[in-house]
N, C-alpha and C. Protein backbone atom coordinates (compact mmCIF):
# COMPACT_ATOMS: atom_id res chain seq x y z
N MET A 1 23.21 -1.08 14.06
CA MET A 1 23.41 0.10 13.25
C MET A 1 22.53 0.06 11.98
N ILE A 2 22.49 -1.09 11.35
CA ILE A 2 21.69 -1.22 10.12
C ILE A 2 20.20 -1.06 10.43
N VAL A 3 19.75 -1.65 11.52
CA VAL A 3 18.33 -1.56 11.89
C VAL A 3 17.95 -0.10 12.16
N GLN A 4 18.82 0.65 12.80
CA GLN A 4 18.56 2.06 13.07
C GLN A 4 18.47 2.84 11.76
N GLN A 5 19.35 2.55 10.82
CA GLN A 5 19.31 3.24 9.52
C GLN A 5 18.02 2.91 8.77
N ILE A 6 17.61 1.65 8.81
CA ILE A 6 16.36 1.27 8.16
C ILE A 6 15.20 2.02 8.80
N GLY A 7 15.19 2.11 10.13
CA GLY A 7 14.14 2.84 10.82
C GLY A 7 14.10 4.30 10.42
N ARG A 8 15.25 4.93 10.33
CA ARG A 8 15.30 6.35 9.90
C ARG A 8 14.80 6.51 8.47
N THR A 9 15.17 5.58 7.61
CA THR A 9 14.74 5.65 6.21
C THR A 9 13.24 5.48 6.09
N ILE A 10 12.68 4.53 6.83
CA ILE A 10 11.23 4.32 6.80
C ILE A 10 10.50 5.56 7.32
N SER A 11 10.99 6.14 8.41
CA SER A 11 10.38 7.35 8.95
C SER A 11 10.43 8.49 7.94
N LYS A 12 11.54 8.62 7.25
CA LYS A 12 11.69 9.69 6.25
C LYS A 12 10.70 9.46 5.11
N LEU A 13 10.60 8.22 4.63
CA LEU A 13 9.67 7.91 3.55
C LEU A 13 8.23 8.14 3.98
N LYS A 14 7.93 7.77 5.21
CA LYS A 14 6.58 7.98 5.72
C LYS A 14 6.23 9.46 5.73
N GLY A 15 7.17 10.29 6.16
CA GLY A 15 6.95 11.73 6.18
C GLY A 15 6.74 12.30 4.79
N GLN A 16 7.51 11.81 3.83
CA GLN A 16 7.36 12.28 2.45
C GLN A 16 6.03 11.83 1.88
N ALA A 17 5.64 10.59 2.17
CA ALA A 17 4.39 10.04 1.63
C ALA A 17 3.18 10.77 2.18
N SER A 18 3.25 11.20 3.44
CA SER A 18 2.08 11.87 4.02
C SER A 18 1.83 13.23 3.40
N ARG A 19 2.82 13.79 2.73
CA ARG A 19 2.64 15.09 2.09
C ARG A 19 2.12 14.99 0.66
N SER A 20 2.05 13.77 0.10
CA SER A 20 1.55 13.62 -1.26
C SER A 20 0.15 13.02 -1.21
N SER A 21 -0.55 13.08 -2.34
CA SER A 21 -1.92 12.56 -2.36
C SER A 21 -1.90 11.04 -2.26
N TRP A 22 -3.02 10.49 -1.77
CA TRP A 22 -3.11 9.04 -1.58
C TRP A 22 -2.90 8.31 -2.90
N SER A 23 -3.53 8.77 -3.96
CA SER A 23 -3.46 8.07 -5.25
C SER A 23 -2.05 8.10 -5.82
N SER A 24 -1.28 9.13 -5.52
CA SER A 24 0.09 9.17 -6.06
C SER A 24 1.00 8.20 -5.33
N ARG A 25 0.58 7.70 -4.15
CA ARG A 25 1.39 6.75 -3.39
C ARG A 25 1.07 5.30 -3.73
N ILE A 26 0.02 5.06 -4.49
CA ILE A 26 -0.37 3.69 -4.81
C ILE A 26 0.75 2.91 -5.48
N PRO A 27 1.39 3.41 -6.53
CA PRO A 27 2.45 2.61 -7.17
C PRO A 27 3.56 2.19 -6.21
N PHE A 28 3.99 3.08 -5.32
CA PHE A 28 5.02 2.74 -4.35
C PHE A 28 4.53 1.64 -3.42
N ARG A 29 3.33 1.78 -2.91
CA ARG A 29 2.78 0.77 -2.00
C ARG A 29 2.65 -0.58 -2.67
N LEU A 30 2.28 -0.58 -3.92
CA LEU A 30 2.10 -1.86 -4.61
C LEU A 30 3.43 -2.57 -4.83
N THR A 31 4.52 -1.84 -4.89
CA THR A 31 5.81 -2.49 -5.11
C THR A 31 6.43 -3.02 -3.83
N VAL A 32 6.07 -2.50 -2.68
CA VAL A 32 6.72 -2.93 -1.44
C VAL A 32 5.86 -3.86 -0.59
N ALA A 33 4.58 -3.95 -0.85
CA ALA A 33 3.70 -4.78 -0.03
C ALA A 33 3.66 -6.21 -0.55
N ASP A 34 3.55 -7.16 0.37
CA ASP A 34 3.35 -8.57 0.00
C ASP A 34 1.88 -8.89 -0.16
N ARG A 35 1.06 -8.20 0.61
CA ARG A 35 -0.38 -8.41 0.59
C ARG A 35 -1.07 -7.05 0.67
N HIS A 36 -2.26 -7.00 0.10
CA HIS A 36 -3.05 -5.77 0.12
C HIS A 36 -4.40 -6.10 0.73
N TYR A 37 -4.73 -5.41 1.81
CA TYR A 37 -5.99 -5.65 2.51
C TYR A 37 -6.95 -4.52 2.20
N VAL A 38 -8.19 -4.89 1.96
CA VAL A 38 -9.24 -3.91 1.70
C VAL A 38 -10.15 -3.89 2.92
N MET A 39 -10.36 -2.69 3.46
CA MET A 39 -11.21 -2.54 4.64
C MET A 39 -12.43 -1.70 4.30
N GLU A 40 -13.56 -2.11 4.84
CA GLU A 40 -14.80 -1.34 4.75
C GLU A 40 -15.40 -1.27 6.14
N HIS A 41 -15.69 -0.08 6.60
CA HIS A 41 -16.31 0.12 7.91
C HIS A 41 -15.50 -0.57 9.02
N GLY A 42 -14.18 -0.50 8.92
CA GLY A 42 -13.31 -1.04 9.96
C GLY A 42 -13.11 -2.55 9.92
N ARG A 43 -13.59 -3.21 8.89
CA ARG A 43 -13.43 -4.67 8.78
C ARG A 43 -12.71 -5.02 7.49
N VAL A 44 -11.83 -6.01 7.57
CA VAL A 44 -11.14 -6.49 6.37
C VAL A 44 -12.14 -7.30 5.55
N VAL A 45 -12.34 -6.88 4.30
CA VAL A 45 -13.29 -7.57 3.43
C VAL A 45 -12.60 -8.35 2.32
N ASP A 46 -11.32 -8.09 2.12
CA ASP A 46 -10.59 -8.82 1.08
C ASP A 46 -9.10 -8.70 1.30
N MET A 47 -8.35 -9.69 0.81
CA MET A 47 -6.90 -9.66 0.84
C MET A 47 -6.42 -10.14 -0.52
N ILE A 48 -5.54 -9.37 -1.13
CA ILE A 48 -5.00 -9.72 -2.44
C ILE A 48 -3.49 -9.81 -2.30
N ARG A 49 -2.94 -10.97 -2.63
CA ARG A 49 -1.48 -11.14 -2.59
C ARG A 49 -0.85 -10.34 -3.73
N ASN A 50 0.34 -9.84 -3.49
CA ASN A 50 1.02 -9.05 -4.52
C ASN A 50 1.20 -9.86 -5.80
N THR A 51 1.44 -11.17 -5.66
CA THR A 51 1.62 -12.02 -6.84
C THR A 51 0.34 -12.15 -7.65
N ASP A 52 -0.82 -11.91 -7.02
CA ASP A 52 -2.12 -12.00 -7.70
C ASP A 52 -2.68 -10.63 -8.06
N LEU A 53 -1.90 -9.60 -7.82
CA LEU A 53 -2.41 -8.24 -7.98
C LEU A 53 -2.81 -7.93 -9.42
N GLU A 54 -1.96 -8.28 -10.35
CA GLU A 54 -2.24 -7.97 -11.76
C GLU A 54 -3.59 -8.56 -12.20
N ALA A 55 -3.87 -9.77 -11.77
CA ALA A 55 -5.12 -10.43 -12.15
C ALA A 55 -6.33 -9.83 -11.44
N ASN A 56 -6.10 -9.08 -10.37
CA ASN A 56 -7.19 -8.52 -9.56
C ASN A 56 -7.26 -7.01 -9.60
N MET A 57 -6.61 -6.38 -10.56
CA MET A 57 -6.60 -4.92 -10.61
C MET A 57 -7.99 -4.33 -10.80
N ALA A 58 -8.83 -4.96 -11.59
CA ALA A 58 -10.18 -4.44 -11.79
C ALA A 58 -10.95 -4.45 -10.47
N LYS A 59 -10.81 -5.54 -9.71
CA LYS A 59 -11.48 -5.63 -8.41
C LYS A 59 -10.93 -4.59 -7.45
N LEU A 60 -9.62 -4.40 -7.44
CA LEU A 60 -9.01 -3.40 -6.57
C LEU A 60 -9.47 -2.00 -6.94
N HIS A 61 -9.56 -1.70 -8.22
CA HIS A 61 -10.05 -0.40 -8.67
C HIS A 61 -11.50 -0.19 -8.25
N ASP A 62 -12.32 -1.24 -8.31
CA ASP A 62 -13.70 -1.12 -7.84
C ASP A 62 -13.76 -0.78 -6.37
N TYR A 63 -12.93 -1.47 -5.57
CA TYR A 63 -12.90 -1.18 -4.15
C TYR A 63 -12.48 0.26 -3.88
N LEU A 64 -11.46 0.72 -4.59
CA LEU A 64 -10.88 2.03 -4.33
C LEU A 64 -11.61 3.16 -5.05
N GLY A 65 -12.44 2.81 -6.00
CA GLY A 65 -13.18 3.83 -6.74
C GLY A 65 -12.28 4.64 -7.66
N VAL A 66 -11.27 3.99 -8.23
CA VAL A 66 -10.37 4.68 -9.16
C VAL A 66 -10.52 4.15 -10.55
């Protein structure tokens, strides 16, 4: 029962997130992810752990162009 509720909640959040702009979803993604992968041309070029995110924000902004 709990797993089904979690699945419904994730689906609902996914639907809400798809209706907002990508940049407005960044704060939410940063709070729930353990790792952040950067892809270029279909290849992973970097991985930043959430615990190291603060120290790597400038690099992440460069990758994302924000």
